[in-house]
Protein backbone atom coordinates (compact mmCIF):
# COMPACT_ATOMS: atom_id res chain seq x y z
CA MET A 1 -6.74 -10.49 -33.51
CA LEU A 2 -5.69 -11.75 -30.08
CA THR A 3 -4.31 -9.19 -27.60
CA ALA A 4 -3.29 -9.84 -23.98
CA VAL A 5 -3.23 -7.00 -21.44
CA THR A 6 -0.85 -7.78 -18.61
CA GLY A 7 0.72 -6.21 -15.54
CA ILE A 8 4.47 -5.56 -15.49
CA ASN A 9 4.95 -5.15 -11.75
CA TRP A 10 3.09 -6.18 -8.57
CA GLY A 11 -0.47 -5.65 -9.78
CA ASP A 12 -2.90 -2.71 -9.78
CA GLU A 13 -1.01 -1.08 -12.64
CA GLY A 14 -4.22 0.14 -14.28
CA LYS A 15 -5.02 -2.80 -16.57
CA GLY A 16 -8.77 -2.24 -16.22
CA ARG A 17 -8.40 1.26 -17.62
CA VAL A 18 -6.50 0.02 -20.69
CA ILE A 19 -8.88 -2.89 -21.29
CA ASP A 20 -11.88 -0.57 -21.06
CA LEU A 21 -10.34 1.52 -23.84
CA LEU A 22 -9.56 -1.49 -26.03
CA ALA A 23 -13.04 -2.89 -25.41
CA GLU A 24 -14.52 0.00 -27.38
CA ASN A 25 -13.39 -1.78 -30.55
CA ALA A 26 -13.25 -5.37 -29.30
CA ASP A 27 -15.71 -8.20 -29.83
CA ILE A 28 -14.73 -10.30 -26.81
CA VAL A 29 -12.93 -9.63 -23.52
CA ALA A 30 -11.85 -12.73 -21.61
CA ARG A 31 -10.18 -13.22 -18.25
CA TYR A 32 -7.74 -16.11 -18.17
CA GLN A 33 -6.54 -16.61 -14.57
CA GLY A 34 -7.13 -15.66 -10.96
CA GLY A 35 -10.45 -15.08 -9.31
CA ASN A 36 -12.23 -12.44 -7.28
CA ASN A 37 -8.94 -11.31 -5.75
CA ALA A 38 -8.68 -9.00 -8.77
CA GLY A 39 -9.70 -5.36 -8.41
CA HIS A 40 -9.92 -3.61 -11.77
CA THR A 41 -11.16 -0.03 -11.60
CA VAL A 42 -12.93 1.68 -14.50
CA VAL A 43 -14.30 5.24 -14.39
CA THR A 44 -17.13 6.10 -16.81
CA ARG A 45 -19.81 8.78 -16.98
CA GLN A 46 -21.89 6.43 -14.84
CA GLY A 47 -19.28 6.60 -12.11
CA LYS A 48 -16.53 4.39 -10.73
CA PHE A 49 -16.78 0.62 -11.15
CA VAL A 50 -14.57 -1.84 -9.26
CA LEU A 51 -14.66 -5.26 -10.92
CA ASN A 52 -13.43 -8.42 -9.17
CA LEU A 53 -14.55 -11.31 -11.38
CA LEU A 54 -16.26 -9.67 -14.31
CA PRO A 55 -13.95 -8.63 -17.18
CA SER A 56 -13.49 -4.89 -17.71
CA GLY A 57 -15.35 -5.16 -21.02
CA ILE A 58 -18.61 -5.78 -19.15
CA LEU A 59 -19.41 -2.05 -19.31
CA HIS A 60 -19.62 -2.18 -23.10
CA PRO A 61 -23.01 -3.56 -24.28
CA ASN A 62 -21.69 -4.90 -27.59
CA VAL A 63 -18.80 -6.86 -26.03
CA VAL A 64 -19.09 -10.52 -25.02
CA CYS A 65 -17.26 -11.20 -21.76
CA VAL A 66 -15.74 -14.56 -20.86
CA LEU A 67 -14.52 -16.10 -17.62
CA GLY A 68 -11.94 -18.52 -18.93
CA THR A 69 -10.78 -22.04 -18.22
CA GLY A 70 -7.80 -21.01 -16.07
CA MET A 71 -9.89 -19.12 -13.52
CA VAL A 72 -11.22 -20.08 -10.09
CA ILE A 73 -14.74 -18.70 -9.72
CA ASP A 74 -16.53 -17.86 -6.48
CA LEU A 75 -20.14 -18.14 -7.62
CA ASP A 76 -21.60 -16.38 -4.59
CA HIS A 77 -19.33 -13.41 -5.25
CA LEU A 78 -20.16 -13.49 -8.96
CA ALA A 79 -23.89 -13.38 -8.24
CA ASN A 80 -23.43 -10.37 -5.97
CA GLU A 81 -21.17 -8.62 -8.48
CA ILE A 82 -23.68 -9.13 -11.30
CA ALA A 83 -26.48 -7.79 -9.10
CA SER A 84 -24.42 -4.74 -8.16
CA ILE A 85 -23.62 -3.98 -11.80
CA GLU A 86 -27.22 -4.47 -12.90
CA GLU A 87 -28.42 -2.08 -10.20
CA ARG A 88 -26.41 0.61 -11.99
CA GLY A 89 -28.08 0.00 -15.32
CA ILE A 90 -25.63 -2.47 -16.92
CA ALA A 91 -27.52 -5.38 -18.49
CA ILE A 92 -25.92 -8.82 -18.14
CA SER A 93 -27.25 -11.92 -19.90
CA PRO A 94 -25.92 -15.28 -21.17
CA GLU A 95 -25.41 -13.57 -24.53
CA HIS A 96 -23.23 -10.97 -22.78
CA LEU A 97 -21.36 -13.20 -20.31
CA LYS A 98 -20.06 -16.75 -20.80
CA LEU A 99 -18.50 -19.00 -18.13
CA SER A 100 -16.12 -21.79 -19.09
CA ASN A 101 -17.40 -25.26 -18.26
CA LYS A 102 -13.77 -26.16 -17.45
CA ALA A 103 -13.20 -23.32 -14.94
CA THR A 104 -12.69 -24.33 -11.31
CA ILE A 105 -15.33 -23.57 -8.69
CA SER A 106 -14.13 -21.79 -5.57
CA MET A 107 -16.15 -23.72 -2.99
CA PRO A 108 -17.65 -22.13 0.17
CA TRP A 109 -14.92 -23.57 2.40
CA HIS A 110 -12.07 -22.06 0.40
CA ARG A 111 -12.75 -18.56 1.77
CA VAL A 112 -13.07 -20.00 5.27
CA GLN A 113 -9.80 -21.90 5.02
CA ASP A 114 -7.95 -18.89 3.62
CA GLY A 115 -9.06 -16.65 6.48
CA LEU A 116 -8.30 -19.21 9.17
CA GLU A 117 -4.78 -19.88 7.86
CA GLU A 118 -3.98 -16.19 7.39
CA ASP A 119 -5.10 -15.54 10.99
CA ARG A 120 -2.89 -18.37 12.22
CA LEU A 121 0.12 -17.05 10.33
CA ALA A 122 -0.55 -13.46 11.40
CA LYS A 123 -0.16 -14.46 15.04
CA LYS A 124 3.37 -15.57 14.17
CA GLY A 125 4.12 -12.54 11.99
CA THR A 126 4.43 -14.71 8.86
CA ALA A 127 1.20 -13.86 6.98
CA PHE A 128 1.37 -13.59 3.17
CA GLY A 129 -1.02 -10.67 2.87
CA SER A 130 -3.76 -12.81 1.36
CA THR A 131 -6.99 -11.23 0.13
CA ARG A 132 -8.75 -13.95 2.19
CA ARG A 133 -10.91 -14.84 -0.80
CA GLY A 134 -9.86 -18.47 -1.01
CA ILE A 135 -7.89 -18.24 -4.23
CA ALA A 136 -4.85 -20.27 -3.13
CA TYR A 137 -7.07 -22.98 -1.66
CA ALA A 138 -9.22 -23.21 -4.77
CA TYR A 139 -6.13 -23.64 -6.96
CA SER A 140 -4.64 -26.10 -4.48
CA ASP A 141 -7.76 -28.24 -4.57
CA LYS A 142 -7.83 -27.98 -8.36
CA TYR A 143 -4.42 -29.62 -8.56
CA ARG A 144 -5.37 -32.13 -5.86
CA LYS A 145 -8.51 -32.95 -7.89
CA LYS A 146 -10.69 -32.16 -4.89
CA THR A 147 -13.09 -29.59 -6.23
CA LEU A 148 -15.63 -29.23 -9.02
CA ARG A 149 -15.56 -27.53 -12.39
CA LEU A 150 -18.42 -25.37 -13.55
CA GLY A 151 -19.57 -27.95 -16.06
CA ASP A 152 -20.13 -30.43 -13.23
CA LEU A 153 -23.04 -28.30 -12.02
CA LEU A 154 -24.95 -29.38 -15.12
CA HIS A 155 -24.72 -33.05 -14.09
CA LEU A 156 -25.55 -33.05 -10.38
CA ASP A 157 -28.05 -35.89 -10.74
CA GLU A 158 -25.39 -38.22 -12.09
CA GLU A 159 -23.87 -40.77 -9.73
CA ARG A 160 -20.29 -39.91 -10.79
CA ILE A 161 -20.67 -36.29 -9.67
CA GLN A 162 -22.44 -37.16 -6.43
CA SER A 163 -19.75 -39.71 -5.63
CA ARG A 164 -17.08 -37.06 -6.16
CA LEU A 165 -18.95 -34.67 -3.90
CA HIS A 166 -18.89 -37.26 -1.11
CA VAL A 167 -15.14 -37.79 -1.53
CA ILE A 168 -14.40 -34.05 -1.66
CA LEU A 169 -16.56 -33.28 1.37
CA GLU A 170 -15.04 -36.05 3.48
CA SER A 171 -11.53 -34.77 2.77
CA LYS A 172 -12.42 -31.13 3.39
CA ASN A 173 -14.25 -31.82 6.64
CA MET A 174 -11.21 -33.72 7.91
CA GLU A 175 -9.05 -30.66 7.19
CA LEU A 176 -11.39 -28.07 8.64
CA ALA A 177 -12.41 -30.05 11.71
CA GLY A 178 -9.01 -31.61 12.41
CA CYS A 179 -6.78 -28.60 11.75
CA TYR A 180 -9.01 -25.64 12.50
CA HIS A 181 -11.70 -27.18 14.76
CA GLN A 182 -14.57 -26.08 12.50
CA GLU A 183 -18.02 -27.60 12.35
CA PRO A 184 -18.28 -30.10 9.46
CA MET A 185 -20.49 -29.38 6.46
CA SER A 186 -23.22 -31.88 5.64
CA TYR A 187 -23.57 -33.53 2.26
CA ASP A 188 -27.17 -32.34 1.97
CA ALA A 189 -26.08 -28.73 2.55
CA LEU A 190 -23.31 -29.04 -0.04
CA LEU A 191 -25.62 -30.57 -2.65
CA HIS A 192 -28.21 -27.87 -1.99
CA TRP A 193 -25.56 -25.20 -2.49
CA CYS A 194 -24.50 -26.80 -5.77
CA ARG A 195 -28.08 -27.05 -7.02
CA THR A 196 -28.69 -23.39 -6.15
CA GLN A 197 -25.62 -22.35 -8.15
CA ALA A 198 -26.65 -24.55 -11.06
CA GLU A 199 -30.07 -22.94 -11.16
CA LYS A 200 -28.50 -19.47 -11.31
CA PHE A 201 -25.65 -20.06 -13.73
CA ALA A 202 -26.56 -22.98 -16.00
CA PRO A 203 -27.53 -20.60 -18.86
CA TYR A 204 -24.09 -18.94 -18.65
CA ILE A 205 -21.98 -22.13 -18.60
CA CYS A 206 -20.76 -23.29 -21.99
CA ASP A 207 -17.84 -24.68 -23.95
CA VAL A 208 -15.83 -21.46 -23.98
CA SER A 209 -12.99 -23.13 -25.90
CA ALA A 210 -15.27 -23.86 -28.85
CA TYR A 211 -16.76 -20.37 -28.68
CA LEU A 212 -13.37 -18.62 -28.65
CA GLN A 213 -11.95 -20.89 -31.34
CA GLN A 214 -14.85 -20.08 -33.63
CA ALA A 215 -14.45 -16.37 -32.89
CA SER A 216 -10.72 -16.50 -33.58
CA ASN A 217 -11.27 -18.34 -36.86
CA ALA A 218 -13.75 -15.64 -37.88
CA GLY A 219 -11.20 -12.89 -37.23
CA LYS A 220 -12.94 -11.48 -34.17
CA ARG A 221 -11.06 -8.99 -31.99
CA ILE A 222 -10.36 -10.72 -28.65
CA VAL A 223 -8.76 -9.05 -25.63
CA LEU A 224 -7.39 -11.30 -22.87
CA GLU A 225 -7.35 -9.73 -19.41
CA ALA A 226 -4.75 -10.60 -16.78
CA GLN A 227 -4.99 -10.24 -13.02
CA LEU A 228 -2.03 -8.94 -10.97
CA GLY A 229 1.44 -8.58 -12.52
CA ALA A 230 4.67 -10.38 -13.36
CA MET A 231 6.05 -10.09 -9.81
CA ARG A 232 3.10 -12.15 -8.56
CA ASP A 233 3.35 -14.97 -11.11
CA ILE A 234 3.46 -18.35 -9.38
CA ASP A 235 6.57 -19.42 -11.32
CA TYR A 236 8.38 -16.18 -12.20
CA GLY A 237 7.36 -13.91 -9.34
CA ILE A 238 8.88 -13.32 -5.90
CA PHE A 239 8.03 -16.67 -4.33
CA PRO A 240 6.32 -17.35 -1.94
CA PHE A 241 4.78 -13.87 -2.11
CA THR A 242 2.96 -14.67 -5.33
CA SER A 243 -0.53 -15.32 -6.54
CA SER A 244 -1.51 -18.94 -7.16
CA SER A 245 -1.78 -18.68 -10.92
CA ASN A 246 0.24 -17.72 -13.97
CA THR A 247 -0.13 -13.99 -14.54
CA LEU A 248 2.05 -13.91 -17.69
CA ALA A 249 0.92 -13.30 -21.25
CA ALA A 250 2.33 -16.64 -22.37
CA TYR A 251 -0.43 -18.33 -20.35
CA ALA A 252 -3.21 -16.13 -21.74
CA PRO A 253 -4.45 -18.29 -24.65
CA LEU A 254 -4.16 -21.43 -22.49
CA GLY A 255 -6.06 -19.92 -19.56
CA ALA A 256 -8.71 -18.36 -21.79
CA GLY A 257 -9.43 -21.69 -23.46
CA ILE A 258 -7.66 -21.53 -26.84
CA PRO A 259 -4.16 -22.95 -26.25
CA ASN A 260 -3.56 -23.40 -29.99
CA VAL A 261 -3.96 -19.70 -30.87
CA LYS A 262 -0.96 -17.35 -30.81
CA LEU A 263 -1.08 -13.82 -29.46
CA ASP A 264 -0.83 -10.95 -31.91
CA HIS A 265 -0.01 -8.30 -29.28
CA VAL A 266 0.92 -8.07 -25.63
CA VAL A 267 0.17 -4.79 -23.88
CA GLY A 268 2.30 -4.36 -20.77
CA VAL A 269 0.84 -1.92 -18.25
CA LEU A 270 3.04 0.15 -15.95
CA LYS A 271 2.09 2.73 -13.36
CA ALA A 272 4.07 6.02 -13.38
CA TYR A 273 5.28 5.08 -9.89
CA SER A 274 5.52 1.80 -7.99
CA THR A 275 2.81 0.16 -5.91
CA CYS A 276 2.77 -3.25 -4.32
CA VAL A 277 -0.13 -5.55 -3.59
CA GLY A 278 0.35 -7.76 -0.54
CA ALA A 279 3.40 -8.73 1.50
CA GLY A 280 6.95 -9.54 0.45
CA PRO A 281 10.06 -7.69 -0.74
CA PHE A 282 9.49 -4.25 -2.25
CA ALA A 283 12.66 -2.20 -2.55
CA ALA A 284 10.83 0.91 -3.78
CA GLU A 285 9.33 1.66 -0.37
CA LYS A 286 12.86 2.15 1.00
CA ALA A 287 13.66 4.89 -1.49
CA MET A 288 11.84 7.85 0.03
CA PRO A 289 10.74 9.02 3.50
CA GLU A 290 7.35 8.12 4.93
CA ASN A 291 5.83 11.58 4.43
CA TRP A 292 6.60 11.35 0.69
CA MET A 293 4.90 7.97 0.47
CA GLN A 294 1.86 9.19 2.40
CA ALA A 295 1.47 12.14 0.05
CA LEU A 296 1.78 9.89 -3.02
CA ARG A 297 -0.69 7.38 -1.60
CA LYS A 298 -3.22 10.14 -0.98
CA ALA A 299 -2.72 11.78 -4.38
CA GLY A 300 -3.07 8.48 -6.22
CA GLY A 301 -5.88 7.03 -4.10
CA GLU A 302 -3.67 4.02 -3.49
CA PHE A 303 -5.95 1.72 -1.61
CA GLY A 304 -6.65 -1.82 -2.85
CA ALA A 305 -9.67 -2.03 -5.16
CA ALA A 306 -10.45 -5.54 -3.92
CA THR A 307 -9.43 -5.18 -0.26
CA GLY A 308 -9.42 -1.45 0.59
CA ARG A 309 -5.99 -1.88 2.16
CA PRO A 310 -3.45 0.98 1.85
CA ARG A 311 -1.03 0.05 -0.92
CA ARG A 312 2.70 0.10 -0.43
CA VAL A 313 4.13 2.78 -2.69
CA GLY A 314 7.44 4.08 -3.97
CA PRO A 315 9.15 5.60 -7.02
CA PHE A 316 9.10 3.97 -10.43
CA ASP A 317 11.43 0.95 -10.31
CA CYS A 318 13.33 0.50 -13.58
CA VAL A 319 15.13 -2.64 -12.38
CA ALA A 320 11.95 -4.55 -11.51
CA SER A 321 10.14 -3.19 -14.58
CA ARG A 322 12.80 -4.42 -16.98
CA TYR A 323 12.37 -7.90 -15.52
CA GLY A 324 8.57 -7.70 -15.75
CA LEU A 325 8.71 -6.55 -19.36
CA ALA A 326 10.99 -9.44 -20.24
CA CYS A 327 8.61 -11.90 -18.56
CA GLN A 328 5.57 -10.52 -20.36
CA GLY A 329 7.19 -10.09 -23.77
CA ALA A 330 5.20 -6.90 -24.28
CA ASP A 331 5.32 -5.15 -27.64
CA LYS A 332 3.04 -2.28 -26.55
CA ILE A 333 3.48 -0.31 -23.32
CA ALA A 334 0.87 1.65 -21.39
CA LEU A 335 1.86 4.09 -18.62
CA THR A 336 -0.94 4.99 -16.20
CA LYS A 337 -1.46 7.68 -13.56
CA LEU A 338 1.13 10.13 -14.87
CA ASP A 339 -1.13 12.92 -13.58
CA VAL A 340 -0.59 11.79 -9.96
CA LEU A 341 3.01 13.03 -10.15
CA SER A 342 1.93 16.59 -11.03
CA GLY A 343 2.98 19.11 -8.39
CA MET A 344 6.21 17.39 -7.37
CA LYS A 345 9.27 19.62 -7.54
CA GLU A 346 11.44 16.56 -8.12
CA ILE A 347 10.44 13.05 -9.08
CA PRO A 348 12.52 10.07 -7.92
CA VAL A 349 13.22 7.08 -10.18
CA ILE A 350 14.96 3.87 -9.11
CA THR A 351 17.67 3.09 -11.65
CA GLY A 352 19.53 0.35 -9.79
CA TYR A 353 20.04 -1.52 -6.53
CA THR A 354 22.98 -2.18 -4.29
CA LEU A 355 23.59 -5.32 -2.24
CA ASN A 356 26.33 -5.16 0.39
CA GLY A 357 27.57 -2.04 -1.37
CA ALA A 358 27.89 -3.73 -4.78
CA PRO A 359 25.76 -2.50 -7.72
CA VAL A 360 22.85 -4.65 -8.95
CA THR A 361 21.30 -3.79 -12.31
CA ALA A 362 19.38 -7.01 -13.11
CA PHE A 363 16.36 -8.24 -11.15
CA ASP A 364 16.38 -11.85 -10.00
CA PRO A 365 13.35 -12.92 -7.90
CA THR A 366 15.43 -15.69 -6.28
CA ASP A 367 17.93 -13.17 -4.85
CA ASP A 368 17.54 -11.80 -1.33
CA GLN A 369 15.30 -8.95 -2.46
CA ASP A 370 14.69 -7.80 1.13
CA ARG A 371 18.31 -6.68 1.33
CA MET A 372 18.34 -4.69 -1.91
CA GLU A 373 18.87 -0.96 -1.45
CA PRO A 374 17.45 1.26 -4.19
CA VAL A 375 19.63 3.71 -6.14
CA VAL A 376 17.58 6.83 -6.88
CA THR A 377 17.88 9.40 -9.67
CA MET A 378 15.97 12.66 -9.22
CA LEU A 379 14.26 14.23 -12.23
CA PRO A 380 12.65 17.68 -12.49
CA GLY A 381 8.90 17.72 -11.85
CA TRP A 382 6.09 19.79 -13.28
CA ASP A 383 3.58 21.97 -11.45
CA CYS A 384 0.58 22.03 -13.76
CA ASP A 385 -2.58 20.07 -14.52
CA ILE A 386 -2.04 17.61 -17.38
CA SER A 387 -5.53 16.07 -17.33
CA ARG A 388 -6.59 17.99 -20.45
CA CYS A 389 -3.54 17.05 -22.49
CA ASN A 390 -4.71 14.84 -25.36
CA ARG A 391 -1.55 15.00 -27.47
CA TYR A 392 1.99 14.15 -26.45
CA GLU A 393 3.09 17.59 -27.61
CA ASP A 394 0.71 19.17 -25.07
CA LEU A 395 2.59 17.76 -22.06
CA PRO A 396 5.00 20.01 -20.19
CA ASP A 397 8.65 19.45 -21.06
CA ALA A 398 9.39 17.93 -17.65
CA ALA A 399 6.66 15.31 -18.13
CA LYS A 400 7.99 14.42 -21.58
CA ASN A 401 11.49 14.23 -20.13
CA TYR A 402 10.22 11.84 -17.45
CA ILE A 403 8.60 9.55 -20.02
CA GLU A 404 11.64 9.58 -22.29
CA PHE A 405 13.93 8.82 -19.35
CA LEU A 406 11.83 5.74 -18.53
CA GLU A 407 11.90 4.66 -22.16
CA LYS A 408 15.71 4.75 -22.20
CA GLN A 409 15.89 2.80 -18.95
CA LEU A 410 13.39 0.19 -20.15
CA VAL A 411 14.61 0.09 -23.76
CA HIS A 412 10.94 0.24 -24.77
CA THR A 413 8.73 2.89 -26.33
CA ILE A 414 5.69 3.93 -24.31
CA GLN A 415 2.66 4.32 -26.60
CA PHE A 416 -0.25 4.96 -24.20
CA ILE A 417 -0.21 7.51 -21.36
CA SER A 418 -3.12 8.18 -19.02
CA THR A 419 -3.44 11.75 -17.77
CA GLY A 420 -6.48 11.31 -15.51
CA ALA A 421 -8.99 8.77 -14.24
CA ALA A 422 -11.76 9.38 -16.77
CA ARG A 423 -12.07 7.32 -19.95
CA GLU A 424 -11.16 10.21 -22.26
CA GLN A 425 -8.13 11.37 -20.24
CA TYR A 426 -5.29 9.77 -22.13
CA LEU A 427 -2.99 10.38 -25.05
CA LEU A 428 -1.21 8.22 -27.58
CA LYS A 429 2.42 8.36 -28.63
CA GLY A 430 3.61 6.36 -31.60
CA ALA A 431 1.88 3.30 -33.01
CA TRP A 432 -0.89 1.98 -30.75
CA LEU A 433 -3.46 -0.76 -31.22
CA THR A 434 -6.57 -0.56 -33.34
CA THR A 435 -8.47 -3.41 -31.62
């Protein structure tokens, strides 16, 4: 069975939490796009884990984790992340973690370039809100054919790879020295860096496509993990305020390494309110006063898992969520952080927009989203702790009313609802997954 877990909105919807749950019964968890700009948070009895590159299944000893073909991988960051996880008692080995030989390497200069360009744009007030982790530059060089793939590290003594390194380095030094006045990198330093990475990761690098194909043929339970959400997809998101990869479920088998295998399920993850990663249009933050947003941000701990930056927040946005659900084609819906809304006398929900006074009910990322004004419906809140509710019937009536209102707006049934940060703090409603 092949299941993709995807974000419906701007990212940080709580995908890590859902994947951690599914991983209990999964054989394989694979990431299929993005890089270490992800920030998936999982809370276990061992504490809170923030994962950037490693799939959320890494905390389950019987699950094989895969970094797929569609990813860009910062090997220095990966080494540090593995070390950090191992320090907390999580064993990681080549049997436990597999890296696609076709995945793109995020080279040392990609982080540098990202930071320099973001600083330049910030001076003009036109920054994109980049994580400064080199993701866009790694993908750019992938499509320009001016970087390496992981499998190339296994052939560093071959003339064809060394020749490519010379060509790549010459081009990159021209960019960094000519545009940003940086000191050039030497070929010897670059080759040394590559050999160091090869020594560390050669046992982990393999033909992930063959591995996943064999697993799929054998009926293994495979979960594909997305980074960010539909609004940040390079093609279907709010351009240019997007990620540099395809965050949609349709790309999941391709990015994982098995383009010929069809998905059995798509789990779309929504947060019980809206948050936004990075810059760009975000109508929800116009809906309520600043003191309301500050209180929500504090209650929900809304600070970027990867960056630590305060997240932009607002009420649940039905207009944007309908668009995200359509993009993802989700057949199962997970709603996270419902508990954060506890204590509110009234809970706002965005049910439409207006533009120049005219109603807007359909989201189009090519419209002038900055000018959209949210239309807010207020629903009754609940003033009790729901963290111990493990059945839908246990929720207060106002909480059930809130969920059912969202379902009507989205024309989707919500099957999974988180009621707290811990693994066991959730409840199921209707038919869920058994993977």
